[in-house]
Amino acid sequence: MNLREIHELYFITDISNVQSIMRYGILSHNEASRIQHCSIAEQGVQERRQNKRIPGTNKHLHDYANVYFDAHNPMLSARRHMNDNICVLRISPDILALDGVIVTDQNASRDCWFKPVSEGLPLLDHSEIFAQFWINREDFFEEYRLKGIKCAEVLVPTCIDPCHIVGAFVANATASNNYRQISNLPVGINANMFFY
């Protein structure tokens, strides 16, 4: 994959968090734990992420704000019951040029690699990350592999500044109304991104 193929990045969150995010930015797990917010993270996944160290740094995974290359992924699928109350924030790919940014080849809760953008990005397979489907009923191991790849991440130390947030997508009119009550940031309904 190369930089020209990345038009934006994505952060999945509860709509109630957007006001705080537009004030403080998208925070790392450790920073977010210091302020009141509504987490939609899966506890078991967070426990696996908690003690992971990022090679070549003195930081842990929870010291980084994380976004996805593609929001149409297993995380968003697992939150389909929350479609009326969640949004996908659209993040400028300019964050890939920030100091200390790391990319992963799959969900960082797994046994994945962590590489600087210049080294890691060319190793990523655009067609697998942006594949519409990852289900493989005939091959459990292939499905597991693709599921992880769909959740490949961009990790930004500490915080992603609000200036890099360019808009949001929601699943339906209910979510759009909920969103417009708390934010003036542009929002669009993108039913194809979400799951039903």
N, C-alpha and C. Protein backbone atom coordinates (compact mmCIF):
# COMPACT_ATOMS: atom_id res chain seq x y z
N MET A 1 0.85 -1.18 0.00
CA MET A 1 0.00 0.00 0.00
C MET A 1 0.90 1.24 0.00
N ASN A 2 0.42 2.32 -0.59
CA ASN A 2 1.18 3.56 -0.58
C ASN A 2 0.29 4.71 -0.12
N LEU A 3 0.91 5.84 0.15
CA LEU A 3 0.20 6.99 0.71
C LEU A 3 -0.93 7.47 -0.20
N ARG A 4 -0.75 7.37 -1.50
CA ARG A 4 -1.78 7.86 -2.44
C ARG A 4 -3.07 7.06 -2.33
N GLU A 5 -2.99 5.84 -1.81
CA GLU A 5 -4.18 4.99 -1.70
C GLU A 5 -4.97 5.26 -0.41
N ILE A 6 -4.44 6.10 0.46
CA ILE A 6 -5.10 6.36 1.74
C ILE A 6 -5.73 7.75 1.70
N HIS A 7 -7.04 7.80 1.58
CA HIS A 7 -7.75 9.07 1.48
C HIS A 7 -8.16 9.61 2.84
N GLU A 8 -8.39 8.71 3.78
CA GLU A 8 -8.69 9.08 5.16
C GLU A 8 -8.54 7.86 6.03
N LEU A 9 -8.50 8.10 7.33
CA LEU A 9 -8.43 7.03 8.34
C LEU A 9 -9.65 7.17 9.23
N TYR A 10 -9.87 6.19 10.14
CA TYR A 10 -11.16 6.14 10.82
C TYR A 10 -11.04 5.79 12.30
N PHE A 11 -11.91 6.43 13.09
CA PHE A 11 -11.99 6.17 14.52
C PHE A 11 -13.46 5.93 14.88
N ILE A 12 -13.75 4.78 15.46
CA ILE A 12 -15.11 4.41 15.83
C ILE A 12 -15.36 4.81 17.27
N THR A 13 -16.44 5.53 17.51
CA THR A 13 -16.70 5.99 18.88
C THR A 13 -18.19 6.19 19.12
N ASP A 14 -18.55 6.26 20.37
CA ASP A 14 -19.91 6.63 20.75
C ASP A 14 -20.11 8.11 20.43
N ILE A 15 -21.26 8.46 19.90
CA ILE A 15 -21.53 9.85 19.53
C ILE A 15 -21.39 10.78 20.73
N SER A 16 -21.72 10.29 21.91
CA SER A 16 -21.63 11.14 23.11
C SER A 16 -20.21 11.61 23.39
N ASN A 17 -19.20 10.98 22.79
CA ASN A 17 -17.81 11.36 23.03
C ASN A 17 -17.32 12.47 22.10
N VAL A 18 -18.09 12.80 21.08
CA VAL A 18 -17.58 13.69 20.03
C VAL A 18 -17.23 15.08 20.57
N GLN A 19 -18.06 15.64 21.44
CA GLN A 19 -17.75 16.96 21.99
C GLN A 19 -16.40 16.96 22.70
N SER A 20 -16.16 15.96 23.51
CA SER A 20 -14.89 15.84 24.22
C SER A 20 -13.74 15.64 23.25
N ILE A 21 -13.96 14.82 22.22
CA ILE A 21 -12.90 14.57 21.24
C ILE A 21 -12.55 15.85 20.49
N MET A 22 -13.55 16.66 20.17
CA MET A 22 -13.26 17.91 19.46
C MET A 22 -12.59 18.94 20.36
N ARG A 23 -12.61 18.69 21.64
CA ARG A 23 -11.90 19.57 22.57
C ARG A 23 -10.49 19.06 22.87
N TYR A 24 -10.37 17.76 23.15
CA TYR A 24 -9.10 17.19 23.60
C TYR A 24 -8.37 16.38 22.53
N GLY A 25 -9.08 15.98 21.49
CA GLY A 25 -8.51 15.11 20.48
C GLY A 25 -8.88 13.65 20.73
N ILE A 26 -8.43 12.80 19.83
CA ILE A 26 -8.59 11.36 20.01
C ILE A 26 -7.43 10.92 20.89
N LEU A 27 -7.75 10.49 22.09
CA LEU A 27 -6.72 10.22 23.10
C LEU A 27 -6.33 8.76 23.12
N SER A 28 -5.11 8.52 23.56
CA SER A 28 -4.69 7.15 23.84
C SER A 28 -5.58 6.57 24.94
N HIS A 29 -5.56 5.26 25.07
CA HIS A 29 -6.36 4.61 26.11
C HIS A 29 -5.98 5.17 27.49
N ASN A 30 -4.69 5.32 27.73
CA ASN A 30 -4.24 5.81 29.05
C ASN A 30 -4.69 7.24 29.30
N GLU A 31 -4.63 8.09 28.29
CA GLU A 31 -5.08 9.48 28.46
C GLU A 31 -6.60 9.55 28.61
N ALA A 32 -7.31 8.75 27.81
CA ALA A 32 -8.78 8.77 27.87
C ALA A 32 -9.30 8.30 29.22
N SER A 33 -8.53 7.44 29.90
CA SER A 33 -8.98 6.93 31.20
C SER A 33 -9.06 8.03 32.25
N ARG A 34 -8.47 9.18 31.96
CA ARG A 34 -8.45 10.29 32.92
C ARG A 34 -9.65 11.21 32.78
N ILE A 35 -10.44 11.02 31.73
CA ILE A 35 -11.62 11.86 31.55
C ILE A 35 -12.86 10.99 31.40
N GLN A 36 -14.00 11.55 31.67
CA GLN A 36 -15.25 10.79 31.55
C GLN A 36 -15.58 10.60 30.08
N HIS A 37 -15.85 9.35 29.70
CA HIS A 37 -16.24 9.06 28.33
C HIS A 37 -16.99 7.73 28.30
N CYS A 38 -17.61 7.47 27.18
CA CYS A 38 -18.36 6.22 27.00
C CYS A 38 -17.53 5.30 26.10
N SER A 39 -16.92 4.29 26.69
CA SER A 39 -16.09 3.36 25.92
C SER A 39 -16.97 2.32 25.23
N ILE A 40 -16.66 2.05 23.96
CA ILE A 40 -17.33 0.97 23.25
C ILE A 40 -16.36 -0.18 22.99
N ALA A 41 -15.20 -0.12 23.63
CA ALA A 41 -14.18 -1.16 23.45
C ALA A 41 -14.60 -2.46 24.12
N GLU A 42 -14.11 -3.56 23.59
CA GLU A 42 -14.35 -4.87 24.18
C GLU A 42 -13.31 -5.09 25.28
N GLN A 43 -13.76 -5.39 26.49
CA GLN A 43 -12.87 -5.48 27.64
C GLN A 43 -11.76 -6.52 27.45
N GLY A 44 -12.11 -7.68 26.91
CA GLY A 44 -11.10 -8.72 26.71
C GLY A 44 -10.00 -8.28 25.77
N VAL A 45 -10.36 -7.54 24.74
CA VAL A 45 -9.36 -7.03 23.79
C VAL A 45 -8.47 -6.01 24.49
N GLN A 46 -9.07 -5.14 25.30
CA GLN A 46 -8.27 -4.14 26.00
C GLN A 46 -7.30 -4.78 26.98
N GLU A 47 -7.70 -5.87 27.59
CA GLU A 47 -6.79 -6.56 28.52
C GLU A 47 -5.59 -7.14 27.77
N ARG A 48 -5.81 -7.61 26.55
CA ARG A 48 -4.69 -8.12 25.76
C ARG A 48 -3.76 -7.00 25.32
N ARG A 49 -4.32 -5.83 25.10
CA ARG A 49 -3.53 -4.69 24.62
C ARG A 49 -2.75 -4.01 25.76
N GLN A 50 -3.23 -4.17 26.98
CA GLN A 50 -2.75 -3.38 28.10
C GLN A 50 -1.24 -3.43 28.31
N ASN A 51 -0.64 -4.61 28.26
CA ASN A 51 0.78 -4.73 28.58
C ASN A 51 1.68 -4.88 27.36
N LYS A 52 1.13 -4.65 26.17
CA LYS A 52 1.95 -4.77 24.96
C LYS A 52 2.88 -3.57 24.84
N ARG A 53 4.15 -3.87 24.66
CA ARG A 53 5.14 -2.82 24.45
C ARG A 53 5.36 -2.64 22.95
N ILE A 54 5.61 -1.41 22.54
CA ILE A 54 5.90 -1.11 21.14
C ILE A 54 7.41 -1.24 20.96
N PRO A 55 7.87 -2.18 20.13
CA PRO A 55 9.31 -2.39 19.95
C PRO A 55 10.03 -1.10 19.53
N GLY A 56 11.21 -0.91 20.08
CA GLY A 56 12.02 0.26 19.73
C GLY A 56 11.62 1.53 20.44
N THR A 57 10.65 1.44 21.35
CA THR A 57 10.21 2.61 22.12
C THR A 57 10.14 2.22 23.59
N ASN A 58 9.89 3.20 24.43
CA ASN A 58 9.64 2.90 25.85
C ASN A 58 8.15 3.02 26.15
N LYS A 59 7.32 2.86 25.12
CA LYS A 59 5.87 3.04 25.26
C LYS A 59 5.12 1.72 25.16
N HIS A 60 3.95 1.73 25.75
CA HIS A 60 3.02 0.61 25.62
C HIS A 60 1.95 0.96 24.58
N LEU A 61 1.25 -0.05 24.11
CA LEU A 61 0.19 0.15 23.12
C LEU A 61 -0.86 1.14 23.62
N HIS A 62 -1.16 1.10 24.90
CA HIS A 62 -2.17 2.01 25.46
C HIS A 62 -1.68 3.45 25.58
N ASP A 63 -0.44 3.71 25.19
CA ASP A 63 0.07 5.08 25.14
C ASP A 63 -0.20 5.73 23.79
N TYR A 64 -0.83 5.00 22.88
CA TYR A 64 -1.08 5.49 21.53
C TYR A 64 -2.58 5.60 21.26
N ALA A 65 -2.94 6.68 20.54
CA ALA A 65 -4.29 6.77 19.97
C ALA A 65 -4.29 5.88 18.73
N ASN A 66 -5.35 5.13 18.53
CA ASN A 66 -5.37 4.20 17.40
C ASN A 66 -6.56 4.45 16.48
N VAL A 67 -6.28 4.39 15.18
CA VAL A 67 -7.32 4.52 14.16
C VAL A 67 -7.13 3.40 13.14
N TYR A 68 -8.18 3.17 12.35
CA TYR A 68 -8.16 2.10 11.35
C TYR A 68 -7.95 2.66 9.95
N PHE A 69 -7.40 1.82 9.08
CA PHE A 69 -7.36 2.14 7.66
C PHE A 69 -8.76 2.03 7.07
N ASP A 70 -9.52 1.04 7.52
CA ASP A 70 -10.88 0.81 7.01
C ASP A 70 -11.83 0.58 8.18
N ALA A 71 -12.87 1.40 8.26
CA ALA A 71 -13.83 1.25 9.37
C ALA A 71 -14.83 0.12 9.13
N HIS A 72 -14.98 -0.32 7.90
CA HIS A 72 -15.89 -1.44 7.60
C HIS A 72 -15.15 -2.73 7.98
N ASN A 73 -15.12 -2.97 9.28
CA ASN A 73 -14.27 -4.04 9.81
C ASN A 73 -14.97 -4.80 10.94
N PRO A 74 -14.33 -5.84 11.49
CA PRO A 74 -14.99 -6.63 12.54
C PRO A 74 -15.38 -5.84 13.78
N MET A 75 -14.62 -4.80 14.11
CA MET A 75 -14.98 -3.97 15.28
C MET A 75 -16.34 -3.30 15.04
N LEU A 76 -16.52 -2.69 13.88
CA LEU A 76 -17.79 -2.02 13.58
C LEU A 76 -18.91 -3.05 13.45
N SER A 77 -18.60 -4.20 12.90
CA SER A 77 -19.59 -5.27 12.79
C SER A 77 -20.09 -5.70 14.17
N ALA A 78 -19.15 -5.82 15.11
CA ALA A 78 -19.51 -6.26 16.47
C ALA A 78 -20.34 -5.21 17.21
N ARG A 79 -20.36 -3.98 16.72
CA ARG A 79 -21.11 -2.90 17.37
C ARG A 79 -22.37 -2.53 16.59
N ARG A 80 -22.82 -3.39 15.70
CA ARG A 80 -23.98 -3.08 14.86
C ARG A 80 -25.23 -2.80 15.69
N HIS A 81 -25.32 -3.40 16.88
CA HIS A 81 -26.48 -3.15 17.74
C HIS A 81 -26.48 -1.72 18.30
N MET A 82 -25.37 -0.99 18.10
CA MET A 82 -25.24 0.37 18.59
C MET A 82 -25.34 1.41 17.47
N ASN A 83 -25.79 0.99 16.29
CA ASN A 83 -25.75 1.87 15.11
C ASN A 83 -26.41 3.23 15.33
N ASP A 84 -27.42 3.30 16.17
CA ASP A 84 -28.09 4.59 16.40
C ASP A 84 -27.25 5.55 17.23
N ASN A 85 -26.22 5.01 17.89
CA ASN A 85 -25.49 5.83 18.87
C ASN A 85 -23.98 5.91 18.65
N ILE A 86 -23.51 5.35 17.53
CA ILE A 86 -22.07 5.43 17.26
C ILE A 86 -21.83 6.17 15.95
N CYS A 87 -20.59 6.62 15.80
CA CYS A 87 -20.18 7.28 14.56
C CYS A 87 -18.76 6.84 14.22
N VAL A 88 -18.39 7.09 13.00
CA VAL A 88 -17.02 6.85 12.54
C VAL A 88 -16.43 8.21 12.19
N LEU A 89 -15.47 8.65 12.97
CA LEU A 89 -14.81 9.92 12.69
C LEU A 89 -13.82 9.74 11.55
N ARG A 90 -13.79 10.69 10.65
CA ARG A 90 -12.91 10.67 9.48
C ARG A 90 -11.66 11.49 9.79
N ILE A 91 -10.52 10.85 9.65
CA ILE A 91 -9.25 11.45 10.06
C ILE A 91 -8.39 11.70 8.83
N SER A 92 -7.79 12.87 8.75
CA SER A 92 -6.91 13.20 7.64
C SER A 92 -5.70 12.26 7.62
N PRO A 93 -5.30 11.78 6.44
CA PRO A 93 -4.11 10.93 6.36
C PRO A 93 -2.83 11.69 6.66
N ASP A 94 -2.92 13.01 6.84
CA ASP A 94 -1.75 13.81 7.22
C ASP A 94 -1.12 13.30 8.51
N ILE A 95 -1.90 12.61 9.35
CA ILE A 95 -1.33 12.12 10.60
C ILE A 95 -0.22 11.10 10.36
N LEU A 96 -0.19 10.51 9.17
CA LEU A 96 0.84 9.52 8.87
C LEU A 96 2.23 10.15 8.82
N ALA A 97 2.29 11.48 8.70
CA ALA A 97 3.58 12.18 8.65
C ALA A 97 4.03 12.68 10.03
N LEU A 98 3.22 12.46 11.07
CA LEU A 98 3.58 12.92 12.40
C LEU A 98 4.71 12.07 12.99
N ASP A 99 5.47 12.66 13.89
CA ASP A 99 6.58 11.95 14.52
C ASP A 99 6.07 10.77 15.35
N GLY A 100 6.77 9.66 15.24
CA GLY A 100 6.50 8.52 16.10
C GLY A 100 5.32 7.67 15.72
N VAL A 101 4.70 7.91 14.55
CA VAL A 101 3.53 7.13 14.15
C VAL A 101 3.96 5.73 13.72
N ILE A 102 3.15 4.76 14.13
CA ILE A 102 3.42 3.34 13.89
C ILE A 102 2.24 2.75 13.12
N VAL A 103 2.51 1.81 12.22
CA VAL A 103 1.43 1.06 11.60
C VAL A 103 1.57 -0.42 11.98
N THR A 104 0.45 -1.10 12.00
CA THR A 104 0.44 -2.53 12.30
C THR A 104 -0.13 -3.28 11.10
N ASP A 105 0.18 -4.56 11.01
CA ASP A 105 -0.33 -5.34 9.89
C ASP A 105 -1.67 -5.99 10.19
N GLN A 106 -2.14 -5.87 11.42
CA GLN A 106 -3.45 -6.39 11.81
C GLN A 106 -3.84 -5.76 13.14
N ASN A 107 -4.95 -6.22 13.70
CA ASN A 107 -5.37 -5.69 15.00
C ASN A 107 -4.22 -5.81 15.98
N ALA A 108 -3.91 -4.71 16.65
CA ALA A 108 -2.73 -4.67 17.52
C ALA A 108 -2.87 -5.51 18.78
N SER A 109 -4.08 -6.04 19.04
CA SER A 109 -4.24 -6.95 20.18
C SER A 109 -3.67 -8.33 19.86
N ARG A 110 -3.38 -8.56 18.59
CA ARG A 110 -2.86 -9.85 18.14
C ARG A 110 -1.33 -9.85 18.11
N ASP A 111 -0.80 -10.98 17.65
CA ASP A 111 0.64 -11.12 17.45
C ASP A 111 0.97 -10.47 16.11
N CYS A 112 1.18 -9.17 16.13
CA CYS A 112 1.38 -8.42 14.89
C CYS A 112 2.74 -7.72 14.91
N TRP A 113 3.07 -7.10 13.79
CA TRP A 113 4.28 -6.28 13.81
C TRP A 113 3.91 -4.81 13.95
N PHE A 114 4.86 -4.04 14.47
CA PHE A 114 4.73 -2.60 14.65
C PHE A 114 5.89 -1.96 13.90
N LYS A 115 5.58 -1.11 12.90
CA LYS A 115 6.65 -0.53 12.09
C LYS A 115 6.38 0.96 11.84
N PRO A 116 7.46 1.74 11.67
CA PRO A 116 7.27 3.13 11.24
C PRO A 116 6.53 3.15 9.90
N VAL A 117 5.86 4.24 9.62
CA VAL A 117 5.04 4.34 8.41
C VAL A 117 5.84 4.01 7.15
N SER A 118 7.02 4.58 7.02
CA SER A 118 7.81 4.40 5.79
C SER A 118 8.19 2.94 5.57
N GLU A 119 8.35 2.20 6.63
CA GLU A 119 8.72 0.79 6.54
C GLU A 119 7.50 -0.12 6.45
N GLY A 120 6.47 0.18 7.21
CA GLY A 120 5.32 -0.71 7.31
C GLY A 120 4.29 -0.56 6.20
N LEU A 121 4.05 0.67 5.76
CA LEU A 121 2.99 0.89 4.78
C LEU A 121 3.18 0.08 3.49
N PRO A 122 4.38 0.03 2.92
CA PRO A 122 4.55 -0.75 1.68
C PRO A 122 4.31 -2.25 1.86
N LEU A 123 4.32 -2.73 3.09
CA LEU A 123 4.11 -4.15 3.35
C LEU A 123 2.64 -4.53 3.45
N LEU A 124 1.77 -3.53 3.55
CA LEU A 124 0.34 -3.79 3.72
C LEU A 124 -0.33 -4.04 2.37
N ASP A 125 -1.25 -4.98 2.36
CA ASP A 125 -1.97 -5.35 1.14
C ASP A 125 -3.30 -4.58 1.10
N HIS A 126 -3.38 -3.60 0.22
CA HIS A 126 -4.56 -2.75 0.11
C HIS A 126 -5.82 -3.57 -0.12
N SER A 127 -5.76 -4.56 -1.00
CA SER A 127 -6.95 -5.33 -1.34
C SER A 127 -7.47 -6.14 -0.16
N GLU A 128 -6.59 -6.61 0.72
CA GLU A 128 -7.05 -7.36 1.89
C GLU A 128 -7.59 -6.43 2.97
N ILE A 129 -6.94 -5.30 3.20
CA ILE A 129 -7.42 -4.36 4.22
C ILE A 129 -8.78 -3.79 3.84
N PHE A 130 -8.99 -3.52 2.55
CA PHE A 130 -10.23 -2.90 2.11
C PHE A 130 -11.21 -3.90 1.49
N ALA A 131 -10.97 -5.19 1.71
CA ALA A 131 -11.90 -6.21 1.22
C ALA A 131 -13.27 -6.01 1.87
N GLN A 132 -14.32 -6.22 1.11
CA GLN A 132 -15.66 -6.04 1.66
C GLN A 132 -16.01 -7.13 2.66
N PHE A 133 -15.50 -8.34 2.42
CA PHE A 133 -15.83 -9.48 3.28
C PHE A 133 -14.56 -10.15 3.81
N TRP A 134 -14.67 -10.72 4.98
CA TRP A 134 -13.55 -11.49 5.54
C TRP A 134 -14.01 -12.88 5.99
N ILE A 135 -15.30 -13.15 5.92
CA ILE A 135 -15.84 -14.44 6.35
C ILE A 135 -15.41 -15.53 5.37
N ASN A 136 -14.92 -16.64 5.92
CA ASN A 136 -14.56 -17.80 5.10
C ASN A 136 -15.03 -19.05 5.83
N ARG A 137 -16.19 -19.54 5.47
CA ARG A 137 -16.80 -20.67 6.18
C ARG A 137 -16.02 -21.97 6.01
N GLU A 138 -15.18 -22.03 4.99
CA GLU A 138 -14.45 -23.27 4.69
C GLU A 138 -13.07 -23.32 5.32
N ASP A 139 -12.56 -22.17 5.74
CA ASP A 139 -11.19 -22.13 6.27
C ASP A 139 -11.14 -21.17 7.47
N PHE A 140 -11.25 -21.73 8.66
CA PHE A 140 -11.27 -20.93 9.88
C PHE A 140 -10.01 -20.08 10.01
N PHE A 141 -8.86 -20.66 9.69
CA PHE A 141 -7.58 -19.95 9.86
C PHE A 141 -7.46 -18.78 8.89
N GLU A 142 -7.97 -18.96 7.68
CA GLU A 142 -7.96 -17.86 6.71
C GLU A 142 -8.91 -16.75 7.16
N GLU A 143 -10.06 -17.12 7.67
CA GLU A 143 -10.99 -16.12 8.19
C GLU A 143 -10.37 -15.35 9.35
N TYR A 144 -9.70 -16.06 10.25
CA TYR A 144 -9.05 -15.41 11.39
C TYR A 144 -7.99 -14.43 10.90
N ARG A 145 -7.21 -14.84 9.90
CA ARG A 145 -6.15 -13.99 9.35
C ARG A 145 -6.75 -12.72 8.74
N LEU A 146 -7.76 -12.90 7.90
CA LEU A 146 -8.37 -11.75 7.23
C LEU A 146 -9.07 -10.82 8.22
N LYS A 147 -9.66 -11.39 9.24
CA LYS A 147 -10.33 -10.59 10.28
C LYS A 147 -9.33 -9.67 10.97
N GLY A 148 -8.14 -10.18 11.24
CA GLY A 148 -7.10 -9.36 11.85
C GLY A 148 -6.61 -8.27 10.92
N ILE A 149 -6.42 -8.63 9.64
CA ILE A 149 -5.91 -7.67 8.66
C ILE A 149 -6.90 -6.52 8.45
N LYS A 150 -8.20 -6.81 8.46
CA LYS A 150 -9.21 -5.77 8.29
C LYS A 150 -9.12 -4.71 9.39
N CYS A 151 -8.53 -5.08 10.52
CA CYS A 151 -8.38 -4.15 11.65
C CYS A 151 -6.95 -3.64 11.79
N ALA A 152 -6.18 -3.64 10.70
CA ALA A 152 -4.84 -3.04 10.75
C ALA A 152 -4.97 -1.60 11.24
N GLU A 153 -3.98 -1.16 12.03
CA GLU A 153 -4.11 0.11 12.74
C GLU A 153 -2.99 1.10 12.42
N VAL A 154 -3.31 2.36 12.66
CA VAL A 154 -2.33 3.45 12.71
C VAL A 154 -2.30 3.91 14.16
N LEU A 155 -1.11 3.94 14.74
CA LEU A 155 -0.94 4.31 16.14
C LEU A 155 -0.20 5.65 16.22
N VAL A 156 -0.81 6.59 16.94
CA VAL A 156 -0.24 7.94 17.08
C VAL A 156 0.06 8.17 18.56
N PRO A 157 1.29 8.55 18.89
CA PRO A 157 1.62 8.75 20.31
C PRO A 157 0.68 9.74 20.99
N THR A 158 0.12 9.34 22.10
CA THR A 158 -0.65 10.16 23.05
C THR A 158 -2.00 10.65 22.53
N CYS A 159 -2.01 11.35 21.38
CA CYS A 159 -3.23 12.06 20.99
C CYS A 159 -3.21 12.42 19.51
N ILE A 160 -4.39 12.38 18.90
CA ILE A 160 -4.58 12.92 17.55
C ILE A 160 -5.33 14.24 17.71
N ASP A 161 -4.70 15.32 17.33
CA ASP A 161 -5.26 16.65 17.51
C ASP A 161 -6.59 16.79 16.75
N PRO A 162 -7.55 17.52 17.32
CA PRO A 162 -8.84 17.71 16.64
C PRO A 162 -8.73 18.30 15.24
N CYS A 163 -7.66 19.04 14.97
CA CYS A 163 -7.52 19.65 13.64
C CYS A 163 -7.43 18.61 12.52
N HIS A 164 -7.13 17.37 12.88
CA HIS A 164 -7.01 16.31 11.87
C HIS A 164 -8.34 15.58 11.63
N ILE A 165 -9.38 15.95 12.38
CA ILE A 165 -10.69 15.32 12.22
C ILE A 165 -11.50 16.13 11.21
N VAL A 166 -11.89 15.51 10.10
CA VAL A 166 -12.49 16.26 9.00
C VAL A 166 -13.99 16.04 8.86
N GLY A 167 -14.55 15.10 9.60
CA GLY A 167 -15.98 14.84 9.51
C GLY A 167 -16.32 13.50 10.14
N ALA A 168 -17.52 13.03 9.86
CA ALA A 168 -17.97 11.77 10.45
C ALA A 168 -18.96 11.09 9.54
N PHE A 169 -19.06 9.77 9.70
CA PHE A 169 -20.10 8.97 9.06
C PHE A 169 -20.95 8.34 10.14
N VAL A 170 -22.24 8.20 9.85
CA VAL A 170 -23.15 7.48 10.73
C VAL A 170 -23.96 6.50 9.89
N ALA A 171 -24.67 5.61 10.57
CA ALA A 171 -25.37 4.52 9.88
C ALA A 171 -26.74 4.92 9.36
N ASN A 172 -27.40 5.87 10.03
CA ASN A 172 -28.81 6.12 9.71
C ASN A 172 -29.25 7.50 10.18
N ALA A 173 -30.50 7.83 9.91
CA ALA A 173 -31.03 9.16 10.24
C ALA A 173 -31.09 9.38 11.75
N THR A 174 -31.37 8.34 12.52
CA THR A 174 -31.41 8.48 13.98
C THR A 174 -30.04 8.88 14.50
N ALA A 175 -29.00 8.20 14.04
CA ALA A 175 -27.65 8.54 14.47
C ALA A 175 -27.26 9.93 14.00
N SER A 176 -27.67 10.29 12.79
CA SER A 176 -27.37 11.63 12.27
C SER A 176 -28.00 12.70 13.15
N ASN A 177 -29.25 12.50 13.55
CA ASN A 177 -29.92 13.46 14.44
C ASN A 177 -29.21 13.53 15.79
N ASN A 178 -28.84 12.38 16.33
CA ASN A 178 -28.11 12.36 17.60
C ASN A 178 -26.80 13.12 17.49
N TYR A 179 -26.13 12.90 16.38
CA TYR A 179 -24.84 13.55 16.15
C TYR A 179 -24.98 15.07 16.02
N ARG A 180 -25.97 15.50 15.22
CA ARG A 180 -26.14 16.94 14.97
C ARG A 180 -26.53 17.71 16.24
N GLN A 181 -27.04 17.02 17.23
CA GLN A 181 -27.38 17.69 18.49
C GLN A 181 -26.14 18.09 19.28
N ILE A 182 -25.00 17.46 18.99
CA ILE A 182 -23.81 17.76 19.81
C ILE A 182 -22.61 18.25 19.01
N SER A 183 -22.68 18.21 17.68
CA SER A 183 -21.50 18.62 16.90
C SER A 183 -21.90 19.28 15.59
N ASN A 184 -21.11 20.28 15.19
CA ASN A 184 -21.28 20.94 13.90
C ASN A 184 -20.34 20.37 12.85
N LEU A 185 -19.51 19.43 13.25
CA LEU A 185 -18.60 18.79 12.30
C LEU A 185 -19.41 18.08 11.22
N PRO A 186 -19.01 18.21 9.96
CA PRO A 186 -19.80 17.58 8.87
C PRO A 186 -20.04 16.10 9.12
N VAL A 187 -21.27 15.68 8.85
CA VAL A 187 -21.64 14.27 9.04
C VAL A 187 -22.45 13.80 7.85
N GLY A 188 -22.21 12.58 7.45
CA GLY A 188 -22.97 11.99 6.36
C GLY A 188 -23.43 10.59 6.73
N ILE A 189 -24.56 10.19 6.19
CA ILE A 189 -25.04 8.81 6.40
C ILE A 189 -24.35 7.93 5.36
N ASN A 190 -23.68 6.89 5.85
CA ASN A 190 -22.97 5.96 4.96
C ASN A 190 -23.38 4.54 5.37
N ALA A 191 -24.55 4.14 4.93
CA ALA A 191 -25.10 2.85 5.34
C ALA A 191 -24.22 1.69 4.90
N ASN A 192 -23.50 1.84 3.79
CA ASN A 192 -22.65 0.77 3.29
C ASN A 192 -21.44 0.50 4.18
N MET A 193 -21.04 1.48 4.95
CA MET A 193 -19.91 1.31 5.84
C MET A 193 -20.31 0.47 7.06
N PHE A 194 -21.55 0.63 7.49
CA PHE A 194 -22.02 -0.01 8.71
C PHE A 194 -22.63 -1.38 8.40
N PHE A 195 -23.01 -2.08 9.44
CA PHE A 195 -23.55 -3.44 9.32
C PHE A 195 -24.96 -3.49 9.89
N TYR A 196 -25.78 -4.43 9.37
CA TYR A 196 -27.15 -4.55 9.83
C TYR A 196 -27.50 -6.00 10.09
